[in-house]
């Protein structure tokens, strides 16, 4: 099982960036998919989670209205569109998958650095 996230990068405040994450070795259709991030000196934060059952996505308050998560089960891929980026969005971003609807994630991507700075 593998989750491979696209490369992040350096973005100016107010800018946009799209991350993708391709899964292999499992069928994403049967998994909740999440995006998480960890900023320096802070705990890891779940920023979005997409349900396998109804397709609904929940967002953390810190990103609500700015970030949009989507999935394409045919491509076994999830996306995170990040708009209106702020310096406080600087973090390592991870995609993750879990078979259950709650609890810990089973599989993790390798993490990709996103830096928001002028």
PDB file of N, CA and C in Angstrom:
ATOM      1  N   UNK A   1       0.843  -1.186   0.000  1.00  0.00           N
ATOM      2  CA  UNK A   1       0.000   0.000   0.000  1.00  0.00           C
ATOM      3  C   UNK A   1       0.888   1.249   0.000  1.00  0.00           C
ATOM      4  N   UNK A   2       0.544   2.193  -0.824  1.00  0.00           N
ATOM      5  CA  UNK A   2       1.338   3.424  -0.895  1.00  0.00           C
ATOM      6  C   UNK A   2       0.430   4.604  -1.205  1.00  0.00           C
ATOM      7  N   UNK A   3       0.751   5.722  -0.585  1.00  0.00           N
ATOM      8  CA  UNK A   3       0.126   6.994  -0.909  1.00  0.00           C
ATOM      9  C   UNK A   3       1.239   7.954  -1.301  1.00  0.00           C
ATOM     10  N   UNK A   4       1.153   8.456  -2.492  1.00  0.00           N
ATOM     11  CA  UNK A   4       2.205   9.331  -3.017  1.00  0.00           C
ATOM     12  C   UNK A   4       1.642  10.714  -3.267  1.00  0.00           C
ATOM     13  N   UNK A   5       2.090  11.665  -2.458  1.00  0.00           N
ATOM     14  CA  UNK A   5       1.616  13.042  -2.600  1.00  0.00           C
ATOM     15  C   UNK A   5       2.487  13.807  -3.584  1.00  0.00           C
ATOM     16  N   UNK A   6       1.875  14.764  -4.221  1.00  0.00           N
ATOM     17  CA  UNK A   6       2.623  15.620  -5.132  1.00  0.00           C
ATOM     18  C   UNK A   6       3.522  16.567  -4.338  1.00  0.00           C
ATOM     19  N   UNK A   7       4.443  17.176  -5.039  1.00  0.00           N
ATOM     20  CA  UNK A   7       5.365  18.097  -4.372  1.00  0.00           C
ATOM     21  C   UNK A   7       4.636  19.369  -3.980  1.00  0.00           C
ATOM     22  N   UNK A   8       4.936  19.872  -2.804  1.00  0.00           N
ATOM     23  CA  UNK A   8       4.377  21.146  -2.363  1.00  0.00           C
ATOM     24  C   UNK A   8       5.180  22.279  -2.965  1.00  0.00           C
ATOM     25  N   UNK A   9       5.503  23.248  -2.145  1.00  0.00           N
ATOM     26  CA  UNK A   9       6.325  24.319  -2.671  1.00  0.00           C
ATOM     27  C   UNK A   9       6.204  25.594  -1.875  1.00  0.00           C
ATOM     28  N   UNK A  10       6.789  26.630  -2.430  1.00  0.00           N
ATOM     29  CA  UNK A  10       6.781  27.962  -1.826  1.00  0.00           C
ATOM     30  C   UNK A  10       5.732  28.805  -2.535  1.00  0.00           C
ATOM     31  N   UNK A  11       4.841  29.379  -1.762  1.00  0.00           N
ATOM     32  CA  UNK A  11       3.753  30.177  -2.311  1.00  0.00           C
ATOM     33  C   UNK A  11       3.694  31.502  -1.566  1.00  0.00           C
ATOM     34  N   UNK A  12       3.374  32.554  -2.274  1.00  0.00           N
ATOM     35  CA  UNK A  12       3.209  33.851  -1.630  1.00  0.00           C
ATOM     36  C   UNK A  12       1.874  33.913  -0.894  1.00  0.00           C
ATOM     37  N   UNK A  13       1.808  34.696   0.155  1.00  0.00           N
ATOM     38  CA  UNK A  13       0.514  34.882   0.840  1.00  0.00           C
ATOM     39  C   UNK A  13      -0.559  35.332  -0.130  1.00  0.00           C
ATOM     40  N   UNK A  14      -1.730  34.732   0.020  1.00  0.00           N
ATOM     41  CA  UNK A  14      -2.820  35.023  -0.902  1.00  0.00           C
ATOM     42  C   UNK A  14      -2.842  34.129  -2.124  1.00  0.00           C
ATOM     43  N   UNK A  15      -1.803  33.353  -2.303  1.00  0.00           N
ATOM     44  CA  UNK A  15      -1.704  32.488  -3.473  1.00  0.00           C
ATOM     45  C   UNK A  15      -2.448  31.178  -3.305  1.00  0.00           C
ATOM     46  N   UNK A  16      -2.335  30.347  -4.330  1.00  0.00           N
ATOM     47  CA  UNK A  16      -3.026  29.062  -4.362  1.00  0.00           C
ATOM     48  C   UNK A  16      -2.052  27.943  -4.697  1.00  0.00           C
ATOM     49  N   UNK A  17      -2.426  26.765  -4.268  1.00  0.00           N
ATOM     50  CA  UNK A  17      -1.638  25.580  -4.561  1.00  0.00           C
ATOM     51  C   UNK A  17      -2.576  24.382  -4.523  1.00  0.00           C
ATOM     52  N   UNK A  18      -2.336  23.435  -5.408  1.00  0.00           N
ATOM     53  CA  UNK A  18      -3.130  22.209  -5.427  1.00  0.00           C
ATOM     54  C   UNK A  18      -2.229  21.016  -5.163  1.00  0.00           C
ATOM     55  N   UNK A  19      -2.587  20.251  -4.169  1.00  0.00           N
ATOM     56  CA  UNK A  19      -1.891  19.006  -3.883  1.00  0.00           C
ATOM     57  C   UNK A  19      -2.724  17.841  -4.389  1.00  0.00           C
ATOM     58  N   UNK A  20      -2.032  16.802  -4.828  1.00  0.00           N
ATOM     59  CA  UNK A  20      -2.707  15.562  -5.181  1.00  0.00           C
ATOM     60  C   UNK A  20      -2.039  14.411  -4.444  1.00  0.00           C
ATOM     61  N   UNK A  21      -2.757  13.326  -4.332  1.00  0.00           N
ATOM     62  CA  UNK A  21      -2.228  12.153  -3.636  1.00  0.00           C
ATOM     63  C   UNK A  21      -2.799  10.921  -4.316  1.00  0.00           C
ATOM     64  N   UNK A  22      -1.914  10.099  -4.862  1.00  0.00           N
ATOM     65  CA  UNK A  22      -2.309   8.898  -5.583  1.00  0.00           C
ATOM     66  C   UNK A  22      -2.103   7.676  -4.699  1.00  0.00           C
ATOM     67  N   UNK A  23      -3.128   6.865  -4.592  1.00  0.00           N
ATOM     68  CA  UNK A  23      -3.034   5.638  -3.816  1.00  0.00           C
ATOM     69  C   UNK A  23      -2.772   4.437  -4.705  1.00  0.00           C
ATOM     70  N   UNK A  24      -2.042   3.482  -4.163  1.00  0.00           N
ATOM     71  CA  UNK A  24      -1.814   2.219  -4.862  1.00  0.00           C
ATOM     72  C   UNK A  24      -1.833   1.085  -3.840  1.00  0.00           C
ATOM     73  N   UNK A  25      -2.259  -0.084  -4.302  1.00  0.00           N
ATOM     74  CA  UNK A  25      -2.302  -1.241  -3.420  1.00  0.00           C
ATOM     75  C   UNK A  25      -3.578  -1.360  -2.609  1.00  0.00           C
ATOM     76  N   UNK A  26      -4.488  -0.430  -2.787  1.00  0.00           N
ATOM     77  CA  UNK A  26      -5.787  -0.508  -2.115  1.00  0.00           C
ATOM     78  C   UNK A  26      -6.794   0.273  -2.942  1.00  0.00           C
ATOM     79  N   UNK A  27      -8.067  -0.009  -2.718  1.00  0.00           N
ATOM     80  CA  UNK A  27      -9.131   0.644  -3.461  1.00  0.00           C
ATOM     81  C   UNK A  27      -9.673   1.799  -2.623  1.00  0.00           C
ATOM     82  N   UNK A  28      -9.359   3.004  -3.045  1.00  0.00           N
ATOM     83  CA  UNK A  28      -9.708   4.200  -2.289  1.00  0.00           C
ATOM     84  C   UNK A  28     -11.207   4.348  -2.088  1.00  0.00           C
ATOM     85  N   UNK A  29     -11.978   3.732  -2.947  1.00  0.00           N
ATOM     86  CA  UNK A  29     -13.433   3.839  -2.874  1.00  0.00           C
ATOM     87  C   UNK A  29     -13.969   3.380  -1.511  1.00  0.00           C
ATOM     88  N   UNK A  30     -13.234   2.459  -0.858  1.00  0.00           N
ATOM     89  CA  UNK A  30     -13.706   1.874   0.392  1.00  0.00           C
ATOM     90  C   UNK A  30     -13.051   2.498   1.619  1.00  0.00           C
ATOM     91  N   UNK A  31     -12.428   3.665   1.421  1.00  0.00           N
ATOM     92  CA  UNK A  31     -11.711   4.313   2.506  1.00  0.00           C
ATOM     93  C   UNK A  31     -12.134   5.768   2.672  1.00  0.00           C
ATOM     94  N   UNK A  32     -12.241   6.193   3.910  1.00  0.00           N
ATOM     95  CA  UNK A  32     -12.252   7.615   4.186  1.00  0.00           C
ATOM     96  C   UNK A  32     -10.861   8.156   3.870  1.00  0.00           C
ATOM     97  N   UNK A  33     -10.827   9.331   3.267  1.00  0.00           N
ATOM     98  CA  UNK A  33      -9.548   9.944   2.934  1.00  0.00           C
ATOM     99  C   UNK A  33      -9.415  11.274   3.660  1.00  0.00           C
ATOM    100  N   UNK A  34      -8.213  11.529   4.129  1.00  0.00           N
ATOM    101  CA  UNK A  34      -7.991  12.758   4.878  1.00  0.00           C
ATOM    102  C   UNK A  34      -6.739  13.488   4.442  1.00  0.00           C
ATOM    103  N   UNK A  35      -6.728  14.763   4.693  1.00  0.00           N
ATOM    104  CA  UNK A  35      -5.522  15.580   4.589  1.00  0.00           C
ATOM    105  C   UNK A  35      -5.210  16.104   5.993  1.00  0.00           C
ATOM    106  N   UNK A  36      -3.987  15.989   6.387  1.00  0.00           N
ATOM    107  CA  UNK A  36      -3.530  16.459   7.682  1.00  0.00           C
ATOM    108  C   UNK A  36      -2.294  17.312   7.462  1.00  0.00           C
ATOM    109  N   UNK A  37      -1.955  18.098   8.464  1.00  0.00           N
ATOM    110  CA  UNK A  37      -0.738  18.886   8.368  1.00  0.00           C
ATOM    111  C   UNK A  37      -0.098  19.035   9.734  1.00  0.00           C
ATOM    112  N   UNK A  38       1.180  19.288   9.715  1.00  0.00           N
ATOM    113  CA  UNK A  38       1.916  19.523  10.954  1.00  0.00           C
ATOM    114  C   UNK A  38       2.884  20.669  10.755  1.00  0.00           C
ATOM    115  N   UNK A  39       2.655  21.718  11.504  1.00  0.00           N
ATOM    116  CA  UNK A  39       3.531  22.883  11.460  1.00  0.00           C
ATOM    117  C   UNK A  39       4.634  22.717  12.501  1.00  0.00           C
ATOM    118  N   UNK A  40       5.753  23.399  12.310  1.00  0.00           N
ATOM    119  CA  UNK A  40       6.854  23.289  13.275  1.00  0.00           C
ATOM    120  C   UNK A  40       6.408  23.628  14.699  1.00  0.00           C
ATOM    121  N   UNK A  41       6.701  22.747  15.621  1.00  0.00           N
ATOM    122  CA  UNK A  41       6.374  22.986  17.014  1.00  0.00           C
ATOM    123  C   UNK A  41       4.914  22.789  17.371  1.00  0.00           C
ATOM    124  N   UNK A  42       4.123  22.301  16.424  1.00  0.00           N
ATOM    125  CA  UNK A  42       2.694  22.109  16.681  1.00  0.00           C
ATOM    126  C   UNK A  42       2.308  20.653  16.468  1.00  0.00           C
ATOM    127  N   UNK A  43       1.173  20.287  17.027  1.00  0.00           N
ATOM    128  CA  UNK A  43       0.661  18.941  16.831  1.00  0.00           C
ATOM    129  C   UNK A  43       0.064  18.794  15.438  1.00  0.00           C
ATOM    130  N   UNK A  44       0.027  17.554  14.998  1.00  0.00           N
ATOM    131  CA  UNK A  44      -0.569  17.287  13.691  1.00  0.00           C
ATOM    132  C   UNK A  44      -2.062  17.586  13.741  1.00  0.00           C
ATOM    133  N   UNK A  45      -2.569  18.194  12.682  1.00  0.00           N
ATOM    134  CA  UNK A  45      -3.949  18.672  12.620  1.00  0.00           C
ATOM    135  C   UNK A  45      -4.655  18.029  11.433  1.00  0.00           C
ATOM    136  N   UNK A  46      -5.845  17.491  11.668  1.00  0.00           N
ATOM    137  CA  UNK A  46      -6.679  17.010  10.568  1.00  0.00           C
ATOM    138  C   UNK A  46      -7.363  18.219   9.956  1.00  0.00           C
ATOM    139  N   UNK A  47      -7.102  18.498   8.708  1.00  0.00           N
ATOM    140  CA  UNK A  47      -7.700  19.678   8.087  1.00  0.00           C
ATOM    141  C   UNK A  47      -8.899  19.343   7.217  1.00  0.00           C
ATOM    142  N   UNK A  48      -8.969  18.108   6.732  1.00  0.00           N
ATOM    143  CA  UNK A  48     -10.148  17.727   5.973  1.00  0.00           C
ATOM    144  C   UNK A  48     -10.261  16.210   5.949  1.00  0.00           C
ATOM    145  N   UNK A  49     -11.511  15.754   5.854  1.00  0.00           N
ATOM    146  CA  UNK A  49     -11.757  14.316   5.771  1.00  0.00           C
ATOM    147  C   UNK A  49     -12.965  14.091   4.882  1.00  0.00           C
ATOM    148  N   UNK A  50     -12.806  13.238   3.897  1.00  0.00           N
ATOM    149  CA  UNK A  50     -13.868  12.920   2.956  1.00  0.00           C
ATOM    150  C   UNK A  50     -14.394  11.520   3.221  1.00  0.00           C
ATOM    151  N   UNK A  51     -15.707  11.421   3.391  1.00  0.00           N
ATOM    152  CA  UNK A  51     -16.325  10.144   3.739  1.00  0.00           C
ATOM    153  C   UNK A  51     -16.519   9.254   2.519  1.00  0.00           C
ATOM    154  N   UNK A  52     -16.210   7.989   2.681  1.00  0.00           N
ATOM    155  CA  UNK A  52     -16.430   7.012   1.624  1.00  0.00           C
ATOM    156  C   UNK A  52     -17.907   6.703   1.456  1.00  0.00           C
ATOM    157  N   UNK A  53     -18.688   6.962   2.493  1.00  0.00           N
ATOM    158  CA  UNK A  53     -20.091   6.557   2.482  1.00  0.00           C
ATOM    159  C   UNK A  53     -20.986   7.549   1.747  1.00  0.00           C
ATOM    160  N   UNK A  54     -20.852   8.834   2.086  1.00  0.00           N
ATOM    161  CA  UNK A  54     -21.742   9.832   1.478  1.00  0.00           C
ATOM    162  C   UNK A  54     -21.005  10.908   0.701  1.00  0.00           C
ATOM    163  N   UNK A  55     -19.695  10.801   0.650  1.00  0.00           N
ATOM    164  CA  UNK A  55     -18.925  11.760  -0.126  1.00  0.00           C
ATOM    165  C   UNK A  55     -18.781  13.124   0.511  1.00  0.00           C
ATOM    166  N   UNK A  56     -19.305  13.292   1.718  1.00  0.00           N
ATOM    167  CA  UNK A  56     -19.222  14.591   2.376  1.00  0.00           C
ATOM    168  C   UNK A  56     -17.809  14.817   2.913  1.00  0.00           C
ATOM    169  N   UNK A  57     -17.429  16.078   2.945  1.00  0.00           N
ATOM    170  CA  UNK A  57     -16.118  16.460   3.455  1.00  0.00           C
ATOM    171  C   UNK A  57     -16.281  17.412   4.634  1.00  0.00           C
ATOM    172  N   UNK A  58     -15.590  17.118   5.703  1.00  0.00           N
ATOM    173  CA  UNK A  58     -15.535  18.015   6.850  1.00  0.00           C
ATOM    174  C   UNK A  58     -14.194  18.735   6.845  1.00  0.00           C
ATOM    175  N   UNK A  59     -14.225  19.981   7.260  1.00  0.00           N
ATOM    176  CA  UNK A  59     -13.015  20.798   7.265  1.00  0.00           C
ATOM    177  C   UNK A  59     -12.756  21.367   8.649  1.00  0.00           C
ATOM    178  N   UNK A  60     -11.494  21.518   8.967  1.00  0.00           N
ATOM    179  CA  UNK A  60     -11.129  22.248  10.174  1.00  0.00           C
ATOM    180  C   UNK A  60     -11.493  23.720  10.000  1.00  0.00           C
ATOM    181  N   UNK A  61     -11.813  24.373  11.104  1.00  0.00           N
ATOM    182  CA  UNK A  61     -12.170  25.792  11.037  1.00  0.00           C
ATOM    183  C   UNK A  61     -11.038  26.627  10.443  1.00  0.00           C
ATOM    184  N   UNK A  62      -9.818  26.188  10.650  1.00  0.00           N
ATOM    185  CA  UNK A  62      -8.661  26.948  10.192  1.00  0.00           C
ATOM    186  C   UNK A  62      -8.561  27.033   8.670  1.00  0.00           C
ATOM    187  N   UNK A  63      -9.230  26.114   7.960  1.00  0.00           N
ATOM    188  CA  UNK A  63      -9.121  26.111   6.500  1.00  0.00           C
ATOM    189  C   UNK A  63     -10.468  26.232   5.805  1.00  0.00           C
ATOM    190  N   UNK A  64     -11.537  26.201   6.574  1.00  0.00           N
ATOM    191  CA  UNK A  64     -12.877  26.217   5.993  1.00  0.00           C
ATOM    192  C   UNK A  64     -13.076  27.468   5.146  1.00  0.00           C
ATOM    193  N   UNK A  65     -13.616  27.266   3.952  1.00  0.00           N
ATOM    194  CA  UNK A  65     -13.855  28.376   3.037  1.00  0.00           C
ATOM    195  C   UNK A  65     -12.667  28.711   2.151  1.00  0.00           C
ATOM    196  N   UNK A  66     -11.504  28.160   2.458  1.00  0.00           N
ATOM    197  CA  UNK A  66     -10.299  28.422   1.662  1.00  0.00           C
ATOM    198  C   UNK A  66      -9.780  27.164   0.971  1.00  0.00           C
ATOM    199  N   UNK A  67      -9.926  26.031   1.626  1.00  0.00           N
ATOM    200  CA  UNK A  67      -9.425  24.772   1.080  1.00  0.00           C
ATOM    201  C   UNK A  67     -10.601  23.915   0.624  1.00  0.00           C
ATOM    202  N   UNK A  68     -10.378  23.170  -0.453  1.00  0.00           N
ATOM    203  CA  UNK A  68     -11.384  22.252  -0.960  1.00  0.00           C
ATOM    204  C   UNK A  68     -10.739  20.905  -1.249  1.00  0.00           C
ATOM    205  N   UNK A  69     -11.325  19.880  -0.658  1.00  0.00           N
ATOM    206  CA  UNK A  69     -10.845  18.522  -0.890  1.00  0.00           C
ATOM    207  C   UNK A  69     -11.780  17.821  -1.849  1.00  0.00           C
ATOM    208  N   UNK A  70     -11.209  17.035  -2.737  1.00  0.00           N
ATOM    209  CA  UNK A  70     -12.015  16.240  -3.659  1.00  0.00           C
ATOM    210  C   UNK A  70     -11.332  14.907  -3.892  1.00  0.00           C
ATOM    211  N   UNK A  71     -12.066  13.986  -4.436  1.00  0.00           N
ATOM    212  CA  UNK A  71     -11.497  12.688  -4.755  1.00  0.00           C
ATOM    213  C   UNK A  71     -11.991  12.203  -6.111  1.00  0.00           C
ATOM    214  N   UNK A  72     -11.178  11.382  -6.747  1.00  0.00           N
ATOM    215  CA  UNK A  72     -11.537  10.710  -7.991  1.00  0.00           C
ATOM    216  C   UNK A  72     -11.226   9.232  -7.770  1.00  0.00           C
ATOM    217  N   UNK A  73     -12.244   8.471  -7.428  1.00  0.00           N
ATOM    218  CA  UNK A  73     -12.027   7.055  -7.119  1.00  0.00           C
ATOM    219  C   UNK A  73     -11.520   6.275  -8.335  1.00  0.00           C
ATOM    220  N   UNK A  74     -11.928   6.678  -9.508  1.00  0.00           N
ATOM    221  CA  UNK A  74     -11.471   5.988 -10.719  1.00  0.00           C
ATOM    222  C   UNK A  74      -9.955   6.107 -10.887  1.00  0.00           C
ATOM    223  N   UNK A  75      -9.405   7.224 -10.404  1.00  0.00           N
ATOM    224  CA  UNK A  75      -7.959   7.440 -10.485  1.00  0.00           C
ATOM    225  C   UNK A  75      -7.265   7.130  -9.163  1.00  0.00           C
ATOM    226  N   UNK A  76      -8.062   6.717  -8.163  1.00  0.00           N
ATOM    227  CA  UNK A  76      -7.492   6.435  -6.840  1.00  0.00           C
ATOM    228  C   UNK A  76      -6.686   7.624  -6.322  1.00  0.00           C
ATOM    229  N   UNK A  77      -7.260   8.797  -6.496  1.00  0.00           N
ATOM    230  CA  UNK A  77      -6.548  10.041  -6.209  1.00  0.00           C
ATOM    231  C   UNK A  77      -7.431  11.000  -5.417  1.00  0.00           C
ATOM    232  N   UNK A  78      -6.815  11.677  -4.460  1.00  0.00           N
ATOM    233  CA  UNK A  78      -7.485  12.769  -3.766  1.00  0.00           C
ATOM    234  C   UNK A  78      -6.704  14.052  -4.017  1.00  0.00           C
ATOM    235  N   UNK A  79      -7.418  15.168  -3.898  1.00  0.00           N
ATOM    236  CA  UNK A  79      -6.838  16.464  -4.168  1.00  0.00           C
ATOM    237  C   UNK A  79      -7.133  17.406  -3.005  1.00  0.00           C
ATOM    238  N   UNK A  80      -6.273  18.387  -2.860  1.00  0.00           N
ATOM    239  CA  UNK A  80      -6.515  19.457  -1.906  1.00  0.00           C
ATOM    240  C   UNK A  80      -6.198  20.773  -2.613  1.00  0.00           C
ATOM    241  N   UNK A  81      -7.245  21.519  -2.918  1.00  0.00           N
ATOM    242  CA  UNK A  81      -7.079  22.843  -3.519  1.00  0.00           C
ATOM    243  C   UNK A  81      -6.999  23.859  -2.385  1.00  0.00           C
ATOM    244  N   UNK A  82      -5.897  24.569  -2.317  1.00  0.00           N
ATOM    245  CA  UNK A  82      -5.665  25.537  -1.248  1.00  0.00           C
ATOM    246  C   UNK A  82      -5.624  26.939  -1.834  1.00  0.00           C
ATOM    247  N   UNK A  83      -6.548  27.770  -1.424  1.00  0.00           N
ATOM    248  CA  UNK A  83      -6.632  29.154  -1.893  1.00  0.00           C
ATOM    249  C   UNK A  83      -6.427  30.116  -0.723  1.00  0.00           C
ATOM    250  N   UNK A  84      -6.165  31.344  -1.054  1.00  0.00           N
ATOM    251  CA  UNK A  84      -5.985  32.396  -0.043  1.00  0.00           C
ATOM    252  C   UNK A  84      -5.015  31.945   1.052  1.00  0.00           C
ATOM    253  N   UNK A  85      -3.905  31.413   0.631  1.00  0.00           N
ATOM    254  CA  UNK A  85      -2.945  30.853   1.581  1.00  0.00           C
ATOM    255  C   UNK A  85      -2.358  31.933   2.483  1.00  0.00           C
ATOM    256  N   UNK A  86      -2.107  31.524   3.709  1.00  0.00           N
ATOM    257  CA  UNK A  86      -1.581  32.420   4.743  1.00  0.00           C
ATOM    258  C   UNK A  86      -0.264  31.852   5.278  1.00  0.00           C
ATOM    259  N   UNK A  87       0.568  32.685   5.849  1.00  0.00           N
ATOM    260  CA  UNK A  87       1.817  32.169   6.428  1.00  0.00           C
ATOM    261  C   UNK A  87       1.575  31.056   7.448  1.00  0.00           C
ATOM    262  N   UNK A  88       0.480  31.132   8.166  1.00  0.00           N
ATOM    263  CA  UNK A  88       0.187  30.094   9.160  1.00  0.00           C
ATOM    264  C   UNK A  88      -0.234  28.756   8.547  1.00  0.00           C
ATOM    265  N   UNK A  89      -0.394  28.719   7.239  1.00  0.00           N
ATOM    266  CA  UNK A  89      -0.646  27.443   6.557  1.00  0.00           C
ATOM    267  C   UNK A  89       0.651  26.688   6.285  1.00  0.00           C
ATOM    268  N   UNK A  90       1.766  27.307   6.557  1.00  0.00           N
ATOM    269  CA  UNK A  90       3.056  26.642   6.362  1.00  0.00           C
ATOM    270  C   UNK A  90       3.140  25.398   7.240  1.00  0.00           C
ATOM    271  N   UNK A  91       3.380  24.249   6.604  1.00  0.00           N
ATOM    272  CA  UNK A  91       3.392  22.978   7.324  1.00  0.00           C
ATOM    273  C   UNK A  91       3.802  21.868   6.360  1.00  0.00           C
ATOM    274  N   UNK A  92       4.021  20.702   6.930  1.00  0.00           N
ATOM    275  CA  UNK A  92       4.133  19.489   6.125  1.00  0.00           C
ATOM    276  C   UNK A  92       2.730  18.904   6.013  1.00  0.00           C
ATOM    277  N   UNK A  93       2.314  18.650   4.788  1.00  0.00           N
ATOM    278  CA  UNK A  93       0.967  18.159   4.521  1.00  0.00           C
ATOM    279  C   UNK A  93       1.023  16.663   4.193  1.00  0.00           C
ATOM    280  N   UNK A  94       0.075  15.932   4.762  1.00  0.00           N
ATOM    281  CA  UNK A  94      -0.008  14.488   4.576  1.00  0.00           C
ATOM    282  C   UNK A  94      -1.389  14.096   4.071  1.00  0.00           C
ATOM    283  N   UNK A  95      -1.439  13.148   3.159  1.00  0.00           N
ATOM    284  CA  UNK A  95      -2.699  12.486   2.856  1.00  0.00           C
ATOM    285  C   UNK A  95      -2.724  11.160   3.612  1.00  0.00           C
ATOM    286  N   UNK A  96      -3.928  10.706   3.916  1.00  0.00           N
ATOM    287  CA  UNK A  96      -4.064   9.486   4.708  1.00  0.00           C
ATOM    288  C   UNK A  96      -5.373   8.799   4.383  1.00  0.00           C
ATOM    289  N   UNK A  97      -5.417   7.503   4.659  1.00  0.00           N
ATOM    290  CA  UNK A  97      -6.595   6.685   4.374  1.00  0.00           C
ATOM    291  C   UNK A  97      -6.938   5.839   5.584  1.00  0.00           C
ATOM    292  N   UNK A  98      -8.241   5.676   5.828  1.00  0.00           N
ATOM    293  CA  UNK A  98      -8.662   4.776   6.906  1.00  0.00           C
ATOM    294  C   UNK A  98      -9.887   4.005   6.468  1.00  0.00           C
ATOM    295  N   UNK A  99      -9.898   2.726   6.855  1.00  0.00           N
ATOM    296  CA  UNK A  99     -10.988   1.848   6.475  1.00  0.00           C
ATOM    297  C   UNK A  99     -12.234   2.153   7.293  1.00  0.00           C
ATOM    298  N   UNK A 100     -12.035   2.454   8.576  1.00  0.00           N
ATOM    299  CA  UNK A 100     -13.157   2.774   9.459  1.00  0.00           C
ATOM    300  C   UNK A 100     -13.589   4.225   9.247  1.00  0.00           C
ATOM    301  N   UNK A 101     -14.741   4.561   9.776  1.00  0.00           N
ATOM    302  CA  UNK A 101     -15.271   5.915   9.629  1.00  0.00           C
ATOM    303  C   UNK A 101     -14.819   6.853  10.740  1.00  0.00           C
ATOM    304  N   UNK A 102     -14.182   6.276  11.750  1.00  0.00           N
ATOM    305  CA  UNK A 102     -13.641   7.104  12.828  1.00  0.00           C
ATOM    306  C   UNK A 102     -12.310   6.504  13.253  1.00  0.00           C
ATOM    307  N   UNK A 103     -11.566   7.251  14.031  1.00  0.00           N
ATOM    308  CA  UNK A 103     -10.352   6.701  14.607  1.00  0.00           C
ATOM    309  C   UNK A 103      -9.116   6.981  13.784  1.00  0.00           C
ATOM    310  N   UNK A 104      -8.104   6.200  14.050  1.00  0.00           N
ATOM    311  CA  UNK A 104      -6.797   6.408  13.443  1.00  0.00           C
ATOM    312  C   UNK A 104      -6.816   6.094  11.947  1.00  0.00           C
ATOM    313  N   UNK A 105      -5.892   6.745  11.237  1.00  0.00           N
ATOM    314  CA  UNK A 105      -5.706   6.458   9.822  1.00  0.00           C
ATOM    315  C   UNK A 105      -4.788   5.249   9.662  1.00  0.00           C
ATOM    316  N   UNK A 106      -5.087   4.438   8.646  1.00  0.00           N
ATOM    317  CA  UNK A 106      -4.353   3.201   8.434  1.00  0.00           C
ATOM    318  C   UNK A 106      -3.109   3.404   7.581  1.00  0.00           C
ATOM    319  N   UNK A 107      -3.228   4.246   6.569  1.00  0.00           N
ATOM    320  CA  UNK A 107      -2.129   4.446   5.627  1.00  0.00           C
ATOM    321  C   UNK A 107      -1.830   5.939   5.491  1.00  0.00           C
ATOM    322  N   UNK A 108      -0.550   6.231   5.308  1.00  0.00           N
ATOM    323  CA  UNK A 108      -0.095   7.621   5.251  1.00  0.00           C
ATOM    324  C   UNK A 108       0.793   7.863   4.047  1.00  0.00           C
ATOM    325  N   UNK A 109       0.677   9.054   3.479  1.00  0.00           N
ATOM    326  CA  UNK A 109       1.629   9.484   2.481  1.00  0.00           C
ATOM    327  C   UNK A 109       2.909   9.961   3.135  1.00  0.00           C
ATOM    328  N   UNK A 110       3.866  10.336   2.321  1.00  0.00           N
ATOM    329  CA  UNK A 110       5.190  10.656   2.831  1.00  0.00           C
ATOM    330  C   UNK A 110       5.307  12.076   3.369  1.00  0.00           C
ATOM    331  N   UNK A 111       4.318  12.906   3.126  1.00  0.00           N
ATOM    332  CA  UNK A 111       4.376  14.294   3.580  1.00  0.00           C
ATOM    333  C   UNK A 111       5.041  15.177   2.541  1.00  0.00           C
ATOM    334  N   UNK A 112       4.493  16.364   2.382  1.00  0.00           N
ATOM    335  CA  UNK A 112       5.050  17.310   1.429  1.00  0.00           C
ATOM    336  C   UNK A 112       5.028  18.702   2.057  1.00  0.00           C
ATOM    337  N   UNK A 113       6.114  19.434   1.882  1.00  0.00           N
ATOM    338  CA  UNK A 113       6.258  20.736   2.533  1.00  0.00           C
ATOM    339  C   UNK A 113       5.558  21.827   1.721  1.00  0.00           C
ATOM    340  N   UNK A 114       4.741  22.596   2.408  1.00  0.00           N
ATOM    341  CA  UNK A 114       4.139  23.795   1.827  1.00  0.00           C
ATOM    342  C   UNK A 114       4.584  24.978   2.676  1.00  0.00           C
ATOM    343  N   UNK A 115       5.190  25.951   2.029  1.00  0.00           N
ATOM    344  CA  UNK A 115       5.667  27.147   2.715  1.00  0.00           C
ATOM    345  C   UNK A 115       4.995  28.365   2.107  1.00  0.00           C
ATOM    346  N   UNK A 116       4.374  29.148   2.955  1.00  0.00           N
ATOM    347  CA  UNK A 116       3.695  30.365   2.508  1.00  0.00           C
ATOM    348  C   UNK A 116       4.482  31.556   3.054  1.00  0.00           C
ATOM    349  N   UNK A 117       5.119  32.259   2.150  1.00  0.00           N
ATOM    350  CA  UNK A 117       5.994  33.352   2.561  1.00  0.00           C
ATOM    351  C   UNK A 117       6.227  34.287   1.396  1.00  0.00           C
ATOM    352  N   UNK A 118       6.422  35.548   1.715  1.00  0.00           N
ATOM    353  CA  UNK A 118       6.759  36.524   0.678  1.00  0.00           C
ATOM    354  C   UNK A 118       8.268  36.666   0.557  1.00  0.00           C
TER     355      UNK A 118
END
